PDB file of N, CA and C in Angstrom:
ATOM      1  N   MET A   1      97.804  69.169 113.596  1.00  0.00           N
ATOM      2  CA  MET A   1      96.680  69.763 114.185  1.00  0.00           C
ATOM      3  C   MET A   1      97.384  70.928 114.950  1.00  0.00           C
ATOM      4  N   GLN A   2      96.863  72.088 114.389  1.00  0.00           N
ATOM      5  CA  GLN A   2      97.180  73.287 115.249  1.00  0.00           C
ATOM      6  C   GLN A   2      96.651  73.623 116.511  1.00  0.00           C
ATOM      7  N   THR A   3      97.420  74.182 117.616  1.00  0.00           N
ATOM      8  CA  THR A   3      97.338  74.390 118.941  1.00  0.00           C
ATOM      9  C   THR A   3      96.630  75.895 119.033  1.00  0.00           C
ATOM     10  N   TRP A   4      95.775  76.253 119.803  1.00  0.00           N
ATOM     11  CA  TRP A   4      95.109  77.282 120.346  1.00  0.00           C
ATOM     12  C   TRP A   4      96.089  78.628 119.766  1.00  0.00           C
ATOM     13  N   TYR A   5      97.358  78.561 120.418  1.00  0.00           N
ATOM     14  CA  TYR A   5      98.168  79.497 120.187  1.00  0.00           C
ATOM     15  C   TYR A   5      98.677  79.974 118.499  1.00  0.00           C
ATOM     16  N   GLN A   6      98.721  78.714 117.974  1.00  0.00           N
ATOM     17  CA  GLN A   6      99.206  78.536 116.727  1.00  0.00           C
ATOM     18  C   GLN A   6      98.293  79.292 115.665  1.00  0.00           C
ATOM     19  N   ARG A   7      96.787  79.131 116.402  1.00  0.00           N
ATOM     20  CA  ARG A   7      95.895  79.589 115.519  1.00  0.00           C
ATOM     21  C   ARG A   7      95.730  81.130 115.900  1.00  0.00           C
ATOM     22  N   ASP A   8      95.918  81.848 116.886  1.00  0.00           N
ATOM     23  CA  ASP A   8      95.803  82.827 117.205  1.00  0.00           C
ATOM     24  C   ASP A   8      97.049  83.729 116.859  1.00  0.00           C
ATOM     25  N   GLU A   9      98.191  83.390 116.411  1.00  0.00           N
ATOM     26  CA  GLU A   9      99.462  83.941 115.775  1.00  0.00           C
ATOM     27  C   GLU A   9      98.899  83.938 114.549  1.00  0.00           C
ATOM     28  N   ALA A  10      98.549  82.888 113.673  1.00  0.00           N
ATOM     29  CA  ALA A  10      97.994  82.897 111.883  1.00  0.00           C
ATOM     30  C   ALA A  10      96.959  83.913 112.004  1.00  0.00           C
ATOM     31  N   SER A  11      96.005  84.214 113.007  1.00  0.00           N
ATOM     32  CA  SER A  11      95.051  85.041 113.127  1.00  0.00           C
ATOM     33  C   SER A  11      95.393  86.701 113.142  1.00  0.00           C
ATOM     34  N   GLU A  12      96.568  86.775 114.312  1.00  0.00           N
ATOM     35  CA  GLU A  12      97.056  88.259 114.444  1.00  0.00           C
ATOM     36  C   GLU A  12      97.902  88.440 113.131  1.00  0.00           C
ATOM     37  N   SER A  13      98.571  87.548 112.632  1.00  0.00           N
ATOM     38  CA  SER A  13      99.521  88.051 111.521  1.00  0.00           C
ATOM     39  C   SER A  13      98.566  88.261 110.081  1.00  0.00           C
ATOM     40  N   ASP A  14      97.247  87.744 110.064  1.00  0.00           N
ATOM     41  CA  ASP A  14      96.540  88.278 108.704  1.00  0.00           C
ATOM     42  C   ASP A  14      95.822  89.171 109.063  1.00  0.00           C
ATOM     43  N   ASP A  15      95.541  89.741 110.330  1.00  0.00           N
ATOM     44  CA  ASP A  15      94.698  90.772 110.687  1.00  0.00           C
ATOM     45  C   ASP A  15      95.881  91.843 110.396  1.00  0.00           C
ATOM     46  N   SER A  16      97.275  91.808 111.037  1.00  0.00           N
ATOM     47  CA  SER A  16      98.195  92.695 110.802  1.00  0.00           C
ATOM     48  C   SER A  16      98.553  93.217 109.183  1.00  0.00           C
ATOM     49  N   GLU A  17      98.528  92.178 108.123  1.00  0.00           N
ATOM     50  CA  GLU A  17      98.817  92.251 106.844  1.00  0.00           C
ATOM     51  C   GLU A  17      97.459  92.981 106.422  1.00  0.00           C
ATOM     52  N   SER A  18      96.295  92.934 106.639  1.00  0.00           N
ATOM     53  CA  SER A  18      95.023  93.530 106.325  1.00  0.00           C
ATOM     54  C   SER A  18      95.153  94.901 106.788  1.00  0.00           C
ATOM     55  N   ASP A  19      95.612  95.132 108.082  1.00  0.00           N
ATOM     56  CA  ASP A  19      95.908  96.531 108.460  1.00  0.00           C
ATOM     57  C   ASP A  19      97.027  97.377 107.523  1.00  0.00           C
ATOM     58  N   LEU A  20      97.911  96.448 107.120  1.00  0.00           N
ATOM     59  CA  LEU A  20      98.911  97.144 106.247  1.00  0.00           C
ATOM     60  C   LEU A  20      98.563  97.549 104.842  1.00  0.00           C
ATOM     61  N   LEU A  21      97.734  96.878 104.479  1.00  0.00           N
ATOM     62  CA  LEU A  21      97.150  97.117 102.998  1.00  0.00           C
ATOM     63  C   LEU A  21      95.885  97.981 103.077  1.00  0.00           C
ATOM     64  N   ARG A  22      95.356  98.061 104.414  1.00  0.00           N
ATOM     65  CA  ARG A  22      94.384  99.183 104.479  1.00  0.00           C
ATOM     66  C   ARG A  22      95.062 100.411 104.820  1.00  0.00           C
ATOM     67  N   ALA A  23      96.475 100.638 105.345  1.00  0.00           N
ATOM     68  CA  ALA A  23      97.184 101.701 105.526  1.00  0.00           C
ATOM     69  C   ALA A  23      97.722 102.330 104.299  1.00  0.00           C
ATOM     70  N   LEU A  24      97.819 101.427 103.345  1.00  0.00           N
ATOM     71  CA  LEU A  24      98.134 101.790 101.838  1.00  0.00           C
ATOM     72  C   LEU A  24      97.153 102.732 101.455  1.00  0.00           C
ATOM     73  N   VAL A  25      96.020 102.405 101.644  1.00  0.00           N
ATOM     74  CA  VAL A  25      94.620 102.651 100.984  1.00  0.00           C
ATOM     75  C   VAL A  25      94.061 104.155 101.956  1.00  0.00           C
ATOM     76  N   ARG A  26      94.369 104.174 103.080  1.00  0.00           N
ATOM     77  CA  ARG A  26      93.967 105.148 103.848  1.00  0.00           C
ATOM     78  C   ARG A  26      95.180 105.922 103.985  1.00  0.00           C
ATOM     79  N   GLN A  27      96.362 105.936 103.486  1.00  0.00           N
ATOM     80  CA  GLN A  27      97.573 106.739 103.568  1.00  0.00           C
ATOM     81  C   GLN A  27      98.044 107.347 104.397  1.00  0.00           C
ATOM     82  N   GLU A  28      98.002 106.053 105.149  1.00  0.00           N
ATOM     83  CA  GLU A  28      98.588 106.185 106.682  1.00  0.00           C
ATOM     84  C   GLU A  28     100.227 105.966 106.452  1.00  0.00           C
ATOM     85  N   LEU A  29     100.806 105.278 105.222  1.00  0.00           N
ATOM     86  CA  LEU A  29     102.122 105.106 105.305  1.00  0.00           C
ATOM     87  C   LEU A  29     102.737 106.520 104.817  1.00  0.00           C
ATOM     88  N   PHE A  30     104.236 106.715 105.034  1.00  0.00           N
ATOM     89  CA  PHE A  30     104.598 108.309 104.557  1.00  0.00           C
ATOM     90  C   PHE A  30     106.080 107.859 104.304  1.00  0.00           C
ATOM     91  N   LEU A  31     106.903 108.637 103.812  1.00  0.00           N
ATOM     92  CA  LEU A  31     108.211 108.925 103.475  1.00  0.00           C
ATOM     93  C   LEU A  31     108.787 109.902 104.463  1.00  0.00           C
ATOM     94  N   HIS A  32     109.834 109.376 105.172  1.00  0.00           N
ATOM     95  CA  HIS A  32     110.803 110.501 106.132  1.00  0.00           C
ATOM     96  C   HIS A  32     111.765 110.310 105.296  1.00  0.00           C
ATOM     97  N   TYR A  33     112.127 111.782 105.093  1.00  0.00           N
ATOM     98  CA  TYR A  33     113.508 111.961 103.941  1.00  0.00           C
ATOM     99  C   TYR A  33     114.545 112.648 104.921  1.00  0.00           C
ATOM    100  N   GLN A  34     115.495 111.574 104.874  1.00  0.00           N
ATOM    101  CA  GLN A  34     116.788 111.816 105.980  1.00  0.00           C
ATOM    102  C   GLN A  34     118.033 112.479 105.081  1.00  0.00           C
ATOM    103  N   PRO A  35     118.336 113.516 105.451  1.00  0.00           N
ATOM    104  CA  PRO A  35     119.401 114.111 104.122  1.00  0.00           C
ATOM    105  C   PRO A  35     120.844 113.270 104.390  1.00  0.00           C
ATOM    106  N   VAL A  36     121.406 113.632 103.269  1.00  0.00           N
ATOM    107  CA  VAL A  36     122.544 112.660 103.090  1.00  0.00           C
ATOM    108  C   VAL A  36     123.644 113.987 102.788  1.00  0.00           C
ATOM    109  N   VAL A  37     124.580 114.167 103.526  1.00  0.00           N
ATOM    110  CA  VAL A  37     125.269 115.179 103.680  1.00  0.00           C
ATOM    111  C   VAL A  37     126.901 114.967 103.440  1.00  0.00           C
ATOM    112  N   ASP A  38     127.709 115.733 102.663  1.00  0.00           N
ATOM    113  CA  ASP A  38     128.924 115.591 101.788  1.00  0.00           C
ATOM    114  C   ASP A  38     129.896 116.422 103.343  1.00  0.00           C
ATOM    115  N   LEU A  39     130.468 115.511 103.937  1.00  0.00           N
ATOM    116  CA  LEU A  39     131.238 116.046 104.837  1.00  0.00           C
ATOM    117  C   LEU A  39     132.220 116.924 104.761  1.00  0.00           C
ATOM    118  N   LYS A  40     132.734 117.052 103.557  1.00  0.00           N
ATOM    119  CA  LYS A  40     133.809 118.178 103.360  1.00  0.00           C
ATOM    120  C   LYS A  40     132.932 119.612 102.880  1.00  0.00           C
ATOM    121  N   SER A  41     132.004 119.334 102.169  1.00  0.00           N
ATOM    122  CA  SER A  41     131.611 120.868 101.666  1.00  0.00           C
ATOM    123  C   SER A  41     130.270 121.120 102.827  1.00  0.00           C
ATOM    124  N   GLY A  42     129.800 120.369 103.486  1.00  0.00           N
ATOM    125  CA  GLY A  42     128.374 120.367 104.306  1.00  0.00           C
ATOM    126  C   GLY A  42     127.424 120.459 103.936  1.00  0.00           C
ATOM    127  N   LYS A  43     127.275 120.139 102.547  1.00  0.00           N
ATOM    128  CA  LYS A  43     126.219 120.281 101.655  1.00  0.00           C
ATOM    129  C   LYS A  43     125.258 119.105 101.560  1.00  0.00           C
ATOM    130  N   ILE A  44     123.845 118.958 101.283  1.00  0.00           N
ATOM    131  CA  ILE A  44     123.205 118.147 101.206  1.00  0.00           C
ATOM    132  C   ILE A  44     123.527 117.700  99.662  1.00  0.00           C
ATOM    133  N   ILE A  45     123.356 116.396  99.531  1.00  0.00           N
ATOM    134  CA  ILE A  45     123.918 115.934  98.387  1.00  0.00           C
ATOM    135  C   ILE A  45     122.905 114.712  97.898  1.00  0.00           C
ATOM    136  N   GLY A  46     122.198 114.633  98.864  1.00  0.00           N
ATOM    137  CA  GLY A  46     121.042 113.401  98.633  1.00  0.00           C
ATOM    138  C   GLY A  46     120.226 113.517  99.866  1.00  0.00           C
ATOM    139  N   VAL A  47     119.155 112.415  99.616  1.00  0.00           N
ATOM    140  CA  VAL A  47     118.189 111.870 100.855  1.00  0.00           C
ATOM    141  C   VAL A  47     118.029 110.527 100.815  1.00  0.00           C
ATOM    142  N   GLU A  48     117.425 109.880 101.860  1.00  0.00           N
ATOM    143  CA  GLU A  48     117.413 108.645 101.969  1.00  0.00           C
ATOM    144  C   GLU A  48     115.572 108.802 102.261  1.00  0.00           C
ATOM    145  N   ALA A  49     114.946 107.894 101.383  1.00  0.00           N
ATOM    146  CA  ALA A  49     113.457 107.938 101.857  1.00  0.00           C
ATOM    147  C   ALA A  49     113.452 106.751 102.777  1.00  0.00           C
ATOM    148  N   LEU A  50     112.754 107.060 103.976  1.00  0.00           N
ATOM    149  CA  LEU A  50     112.496 105.960 105.163  1.00  0.00           C
ATOM    150  C   LEU A  50     111.081 106.043 105.328  1.00  0.00           C
ATOM    151  N   LEU A  51     110.720 104.527 105.310  1.00  0.00           N
ATOM    152  CA  LEU A  51     109.320 104.507 105.403  1.00  0.00           C
ATOM    153  C   LEU A  51     108.747 104.274 106.813  1.00  0.00           C
ATOM    154  N   ARG A  52     107.609 105.062 106.837  1.00  0.00           N
ATOM    155  CA  ARG A  52     107.097 104.973 108.187  1.00  0.00           C
ATOM    156  C   ARG A  52     105.516 104.685 108.191  1.00  0.00           C
ATOM    157  N   TRP A  53     105.036 104.202 108.919  1.00  0.00           N
ATOM    158  CA  TRP A  53     103.558 103.889 109.214  1.00  0.00           C
ATOM    159  C   TRP A  53     102.902 104.741 110.480  1.00  0.00           C
ATOM    160  N   ASN A  54     102.029 105.827 110.197  1.00  0.00           N
ATOM    161  CA  ASN A  54     101.308 106.480 111.049  1.00  0.00           C
ATOM    162  C   ASN A  54      99.923 105.624 111.362  1.00  0.00           C
ATOM    163  N   HIS A  55     100.048 104.802 112.201  1.00  0.00           N
ATOM    164  CA  HIS A  55      99.086 103.653 112.637  1.00  0.00           C
ATOM    165  C   HIS A  55      98.265 104.591 113.464  1.00  0.00           C
ATOM    166  N   PRO A  56      96.754 104.280 113.253  1.00  0.00           N
ATOM    167  CA  PRO A  56      95.795 105.329 113.620  1.00  0.00           C
ATOM    168  C   PRO A  56      95.601 104.926 115.413  1.00  0.00           C
ATOM    169  N   GLU A  57      96.006 103.956 115.758  1.00  0.00           N
ATOM    170  CA  GLU A  57      95.901 103.440 117.345  1.00  0.00           C
ATOM    171  C   GLU A  57      97.304 103.405 117.840  1.00  0.00           C
ATOM    172  N   GLU A  58      98.282 103.059 117.147  1.00  0.00           N
ATOM    173  CA  GLU A  58      99.881 102.891 118.005  1.00  0.00           C
ATOM    174  C   GLU A  58     100.550 103.965 117.548  1.00  0.00           C
ATOM    175  N   GLY A  59     100.502 104.976 116.797  1.00  0.00           N
ATOM    176  CA  GLY A  59     101.001 106.232 116.306  1.00  0.00           C
ATOM    177  C   GLY A  59     101.995 105.558 114.923  1.00  0.00           C
ATOM    178  N   VAL A  60     103.575 106.534 115.378  1.00  0.00           N
ATOM    179  CA  VAL A  60     104.301 106.263 113.848  1.00  0.00           C
ATOM    180  C   VAL A  60     105.078 105.135 114.541  1.00  0.00           C
ATOM    181  N   GLN A  61     105.111 104.094 113.477  1.00  0.00           N
ATOM    182  CA  GLN A  61     105.592 102.966 113.659  1.00  0.00           C
ATOM    183  C   GLN A  61     107.045 102.633 112.682  1.00  0.00           C
ATOM    184  N   LEU A  62     107.615 102.179 113.210  1.00  0.00           N
ATOM    185  CA  LEU A  62     109.333 101.878 112.095  1.00  0.00           C
ATOM    186  C   LEU A  62     108.954 100.877 111.369  1.00  0.00           C
ATOM    187  N   PRO A  63     110.020 100.694 110.384  1.00  0.00           N
ATOM    188  CA  PRO A  63     109.601  99.610 109.555  1.00  0.00           C
ATOM    189  C   PRO A  63     109.896  98.072 110.199  1.00  0.00           C
ATOM    190  N   LYS A  64     110.709  97.956 111.089  1.00  0.00           N
ATOM    191  CA  LYS A  64     111.311  96.992 111.647  1.00  0.00           C
ATOM    192  C   LYS A  64     109.993  96.115 112.355  1.00  0.00           C
ATOM    193  N   ASP A  65     108.709  97.259 113.060  1.00  0.00           N
ATOM    194  CA  ASP A  65     107.645  96.826 113.234  1.00  0.00           C
ATOM    195  C   ASP A  65     106.715  96.154 112.548  1.00  0.00           C
ATOM    196  N   PHE A  66     106.904  96.602 110.969  1.00  0.00           N
ATOM    197  CA  PHE A  66     105.791  95.953 110.350  1.00  0.00           C
ATOM    198  C   PHE A  66     106.239  95.316 108.871  1.00  0.00           C
ATOM    199  N   LEU A  67     107.404  95.654 108.585  1.00  0.00           N
ATOM    200  CA  LEU A  67     107.524  94.822 107.025  1.00  0.00           C
ATOM    201  C   LEU A  67     107.940  93.504 107.247  1.00  0.00           C
ATOM    202  N   MET A  68     107.978  92.871 108.176  1.00  0.00           N
ATOM    203  CA  MET A  68     108.283  91.618 108.204  1.00  0.00           C
ATOM    204  C   MET A  68     106.679  90.703 107.787  1.00  0.00           C
ATOM    205  N   ILE A  69     106.080  91.243 108.469  1.00  0.00           N
ATOM    206  CA  ILE A  69     104.616  91.085 108.366  1.00  0.00           C
ATOM    207  C   ILE A  69     104.084  91.151 106.911  1.00  0.00           C
ATOM    208  N   ALA A  70     104.446  92.266 106.131  1.00  0.00           N
ATOM    209  CA  ALA A  70     104.060  92.575 104.695  1.00  0.00           C
ATOM    210  C   ALA A  70     105.145  91.487 103.986  1.00  0.00           C
ATOM    211  N   GLU A  71     106.544  91.189 104.291  1.00  0.00           N
ATOM    212  CA  GLU A  71     107.114  90.152 103.468  1.00  0.00           C
ATOM    213  C   GLU A  71     106.327  88.834 103.795  1.00  0.00           C
ATOM    214  N   LYS A  72     106.201  88.443 104.857  1.00  0.00           N
ATOM    215  CA  LYS A  72     105.276  86.914 104.933  1.00  0.00           C
ATOM    216  C   LYS A  72     103.929  87.003 104.199  1.00  0.00           C
ATOM    217  N   GLY A  73     103.222  88.216 104.204  1.00  0.00           N
ATOM    218  CA  GLY A  73     102.028  88.174 103.304  1.00  0.00           C
ATOM    219  C   GLY A  73     101.789  88.424 102.112  1.00  0.00           C
ATOM    220  N   GLY A  74     103.061  88.852 101.484  1.00  0.00           N
ATOM    221  CA  GLY A  74     102.877  89.048 100.078  1.00  0.00           C
ATOM    222  C   GLY A  74     102.580  90.715  99.936  1.00  0.00           C
ATOM    223  N   ALA A  75     102.372  91.335 100.817  1.00  0.00           N
ATOM    224  CA  ALA A  75     102.041  92.871 100.605  1.00  0.00           C
ATOM    225  C   ALA A  75     103.342  93.744 100.474  1.00  0.00           C
ATOM    226  N   VAL A  76     104.403  93.296 100.513  1.00  0.00           N
ATOM    227  CA  VAL A  76     105.575  94.123 100.382  1.00  0.00           C
ATOM    228  C   VAL A  76     105.938  94.587  98.796  1.00  0.00           C
ATOM    229  N   SER A  77     105.436  94.037  98.130  1.00  0.00           N
ATOM    230  CA  SER A  77     105.404  94.471  96.628  1.00  0.00           C
ATOM    231  C   SER A  77     104.944  95.457  96.570  1.00  0.00           C
ATOM    232  N   SER A  78     103.597  95.637  96.790  1.00  0.00           N
ATOM    233  CA  SER A  78     102.557  96.743  96.661  1.00  0.00           C
ATOM    234  C   SER A  78     103.220  97.821  97.363  1.00  0.00           C
ATOM    235  N   ILE A  79     103.944  97.828  98.616  1.00  0.00           N
ATOM    236  CA  ILE A  79     104.552  98.996  99.577  1.00  0.00           C
ATOM    237  C   ILE A  79     105.509  99.298  98.811  1.00  0.00           C
ATOM    238  N   GLU A  80     106.542  98.550  98.340  1.00  0.00           N
ATOM    239  CA  GLU A  80     107.865  98.973  97.557  1.00  0.00           C
ATOM    240  C   GLU A  80     107.389  99.794  96.501  1.00  0.00           C
ATOM    241  N   GLU A  81     106.253  99.217  95.752  1.00  0.00           N
ATOM    242  CA  GLU A  81     105.791 100.162  94.609  1.00  0.00           C
ATOM    243  C   GLU A  81     105.303 101.442  94.717  1.00  0.00           C
ATOM    244  N   TRP A  82     104.660 101.588  96.199  1.00  0.00           N
ATOM    245  CA  TRP A  82     104.390 102.639  96.494  1.00  0.00           C
ATOM    246  C   TRP A  82     105.474 103.608  96.950  1.00  0.00           C
ATOM    247  N   ILE A  83     106.416 103.268  97.600  1.00  0.00           N
ATOM    248  CA  ILE A  83     107.523 103.863  97.853  1.00  0.00           C
ATOM    249  C   ILE A  83     108.253 104.455  96.729  1.00  0.00           C
ATOM    250  N   LEU A  84     108.675 103.638  95.912  1.00  0.00           N
ATOM    251  CA  LEU A  84     109.247 103.965  94.520  1.00  0.00           C
ATOM    252  C   LEU A  84     108.789 105.290  93.761  1.00  0.00           C
ATOM    253  N   HIS A  85     107.154 104.966  93.714  1.00  0.00           N
ATOM    254  CA  HIS A  85     106.232 106.104  93.136  1.00  0.00           C
ATOM    255  C   HIS A  85     106.287 107.147  93.804  1.00  0.00           C
ATOM    256  N   THR A  86     106.352 107.119  95.169  1.00  0.00           N
ATOM    257  CA  THR A  86     106.114 108.376  96.100  1.00  0.00           C
ATOM    258  C   THR A  86     107.608 109.029  96.060  1.00  0.00           C
ATOM    259  N   ALA A  87     108.348 108.369  96.290  1.00  0.00           N
ATOM    260  CA  ALA A  87     110.079 109.261  96.325  1.00  0.00           C
ATOM    261  C   ALA A  87     110.394 109.796  95.283  1.00  0.00           C
ATOM    262  N   CYS A  88     109.873 109.103  94.170  1.00  0.00           N
ATOM    263  CA  CYS A  88     110.078 110.102  92.709  1.00  0.00           C
ATOM    264  C   CYS A  88     109.444 111.093  92.610  1.00  0.00           C
ATOM    265  N   LYS A  89     108.264 111.166  92.918  1.00  0.00           N
ATOM    266  CA  LYS A  89     107.088 112.203  92.528  1.00  0.00           C
ATOM    267  C   LYS A  89     107.847 113.205  93.503  1.00  0.00           C
ATOM    268  N   GLN A  90     108.355 113.050  94.775  1.00  0.00           N
ATOM    269  CA  GLN A  90     108.733 113.839  95.588  1.00  0.00           C
ATOM    270  C   GLN A  90     109.669 114.755  95.249  1.00  0.00           C
ATOM    271  N   ASN A  91     110.712 113.385  94.274  1.00  0.00           N
ATOM    272  CA  ASN A  91     112.172 114.304  93.696  1.00  0.00           C
ATOM    273  C   ASN A  91     111.668 115.370  92.597  1.00  0.00           C
ATOM    274  N   LYS A  92     110.706 114.958  91.611  1.00  0.00           N
ATOM    275  CA  LYS A  92     110.158 115.783  90.566  1.00  0.00           C
ATOM    276  C   LYS A  92     109.705 116.976  91.420  1.00  0.00           C
ATOM    277  N   LYS A  93     108.953 117.138  92.320  1.00  0.00           N
ATOM    278  CA  LYS A  93     108.107 118.095  92.920  1.00  0.00           C
ATOM    279  C   LYS A  93     109.513 119.255  93.321  1.00  0.00           C
ATOM    280  N   TRP A  94     110.434 118.536  93.937  1.00  0.00           N
ATOM    281  CA  TRP A  94     111.567 119.326  94.520  1.00  0.00           C
ATOM    282  C   TRP A  94     112.194 119.799  93.402  1.00  0.00           C
ATOM    283  N   GLN A  95     112.510 119.423  92.389  1.00  0.00           N
ATOM    284  CA  GLN A  95     112.975 119.828  91.179  1.00  0.00           C
ATOM    285  C   GLN A  95     112.213 120.971  90.289  1.00  0.00           C
ATOM    286  N   GLU A  96     110.861 120.750  90.391  1.00  0.00           N
ATOM    287  CA  GLU A  96     109.878 121.875  89.813  1.00  0.00           C
ATOM    288  C   GLU A  96     110.049 123.051  90.922  1.00  0.00           C
ATOM    289  N   GLU A  97     110.262 123.083  92.100  1.00  0.00           N
ATOM    290  CA  GLU A  97     110.557 124.009  93.155  1.00  0.00           C
ATOM    291  C   GLU A  97     111.926 124.855  93.012  1.00  0.00           C
ATOM    292  N   GLY A  98     112.634 124.426  91.832  1.00  0.00           N
ATOM    293  CA  GLY A  98     114.050 124.976  91.947  1.00  0.00           C
ATOM    294  C   GLY A  98     115.309 124.317  92.691  1.00  0.00           C
ATOM    295  N   LEU A  99     115.103 123.318  93.120  1.00  0.00           N
ATOM    296  CA  LEU A  99     116.278 122.436  93.868  1.00  0.00           C
ATOM    297  C   LEU A  99     116.853 121.677  92.373  1.00  0.00           C
ATOM    298  N   SER A 100     117.712 121.804  92.673  1.00  0.00           N
ATOM    299  CA  SER A 100     119.144 121.175  91.806  1.00  0.00           C
ATOM    300  C   SER A 100     118.637 119.495  92.028  1.00  0.00           C
ATOM    301  N   PRO A 101     118.950 118.794  90.634  1.00  0.00           N
ATOM    302  CA  PRO A 101     118.660 117.439  91.236  1.00  0.00           C
ATOM    303  C   PRO A 101     119.611 116.748  91.685  1.00  0.00           C
ATOM    304  N   PHE A 102     119.288 115.478  92.886  1.00  0.00           N
ATOM    305  CA  PHE A 102     120.106 115.008  93.740  1.00  0.00           C
ATOM    306  C   PHE A 102     119.808 113.400  94.018  1.00  0.00           C
ATOM    307  N   VAL A 103     120.204 112.782  94.591  1.00  0.00           N
ATOM    308  CA  VAL A 103     120.105 111.424  94.685  1.00  0.00           C
ATOM    309  C   VAL A 103     119.036 111.002  95.573  1.00  0.00           C
ATOM    310  N   VAL A 104     117.898 110.408  95.377  1.00  0.00           N
ATOM    311  CA  VAL A 104     117.021 109.874  96.228  1.00  0.00           C
ATOM    312  C   VAL A 104     117.480 108.298  96.542  1.00  0.00           C
ATOM    313  N   SER A 105     117.946 108.169  97.898  1.00  0.00           N
ATOM    314  CA  SER A 105     117.706 106.561  97.949  1.00  0.00           C
ATOM    315  C   SER A 105     116.618 105.835  98.695  1.00  0.00           C
ATOM    316  N   VAL A 106     116.492 104.604  98.058  1.00  0.00           N
ATOM    317  CA  VAL A 106     115.278 103.958  98.258  1.00  0.00           C
ATOM    318  C   VAL A 106     115.632 102.520  98.792  1.00  0.00           C
ATOM    319  N   ASN A 107     115.376 102.068 100.254  1.00  0.00           N
ATOM    320  CA  ASN A 107     115.662 100.633 100.162  1.00  0.00           C
ATOM    321  C   ASN A 107     114.370  99.649  99.992  1.00  0.00           C
ATOM    322  N   ILE A 108     114.951  98.861  99.165  1.00  0.00           N
ATOM    323  CA  ILE A 108     113.883  97.713  98.797  1.00  0.00           C
ATOM    324  C   ILE A 108     114.452  96.531  98.960  1.00  0.00           C
ATOM    325  N   SER A 109     113.512  95.316  99.148  1.00  0.00           N
ATOM    326  CA  SER A 109     113.699  94.007  99.209  1.00  0.00           C
ATOM    327  C   SER A 109     114.409  93.533  98.034  1.00  0.00           C
ATOM    328  N   ALA A 110     115.319  92.086  97.860  1.00  0.00           N
ATOM    329  CA  ALA A 110     115.850  91.686  96.591  1.00  0.00           C
ATOM    330  C   ALA A 110     115.005  91.361  95.798  1.00  0.00           C
ATOM    331  N   PHE A 111     113.661  90.955  96.081  1.00  0.00           N
ATOM    332  CA  PHE A 111     112.998  90.369  95.022  1.00  0.00           C
ATOM    333  C   PHE A 111     112.467  91.030  94.136  1.00  0.00           C
ATOM    334  N   PRO A 112     112.358  92.328  94.051  1.00  0.00           N
ATOM    335  CA  PRO A 112     112.173  93.270  93.133  1.00  0.00           C
ATOM    336  C   PRO A 112     113.184  93.399  91.890  1.00  0.00           C
ATOM    337  N   LEU A 113     114.401  93.335  92.509  1.00  0.00           N
ATOM    338  CA  LEU A 113     115.464  93.276  91.482  1.00  0.00           C
ATOM    339  C   LEU A 113     115.612  92.498  90.608  1.00  0.00           C
ATOM    340  N   ILE A 114     114.820  91.279  90.923  1.00  0.00           N
ATOM    341  CA  ILE A 114     114.896  90.032  89.724  1.00  0.00           C
ATOM    342  C   ILE A 114     113.698  90.352  88.919  1.00  0.00           C
ATOM    343  N   GLN A 115     112.904  91.185  89.125  1.00  0.00           N
ATOM    344  CA  GLN A 115     111.590  91.093  88.254  1.00  0.00           C
ATOM    345  C   GLN A 115     112.095  91.667  86.912  1.00  0.00           C
ATOM    346  N   ALA A 116     111.135  91.719  85.794  1.00  0.00           N
ATOM    347  CA  ALA A 116     111.632  92.422  84.697  1.00  0.00           C
ATOM    348  C   ALA A 116     111.099  93.672  84.341  1.00  0.00           C
ATOM    349  N   ASP A 117     110.144  94.293  85.233  1.00  0.00           N
ATOM    350  CA  ASP A 117     109.333  95.343  85.289  1.00  0.00           C
ATOM    351  C   ASP A 117     110.095  96.236  86.433  1.00  0.00           C
ATOM    352  N   LEU A 118     111.120  96.384  86.937  1.00  0.00           N
ATOM    353  CA  LEU A 118     111.463  97.247  88.219  1.00  0.00           C
ATOM    354  C   LEU A 118     111.636  98.649  87.510  1.00  0.00           C
ATOM    355  N   VAL A 119     112.226  98.773  86.423  1.00  0.00           N
ATOM    356  CA  VAL A 119     112.544 100.265  85.855  1.00  0.00           C
ATOM    357  C   VAL A 119     111.214 100.793  85.761  1.00  0.00           C
TER     358      VAL A 119
END
């Protein structure tokens, strides 16, 4: 039998997961690109794509504040697919604007690495 606080935690988790899925649809998730710099030359040799959520009520949220919910609820695969697509699209745009190709690093969970369709 569940106690009142277990039901509240489950309900809160369900609400948070729903908020995350809506965030994808509402385009509240975005990537912040942090430069990777070669220390010898001082040149930017790549970027790391960092996920952020512009929560409508709480402002910009870091992944540590919401990815555990996505992993527990199964929404993480949809979010990671969006991250990969968005980072690749941005890299292509930079190249079309005349920048030389460079590495774009994206953090993903281990689960997609075992999927046959990751590439």
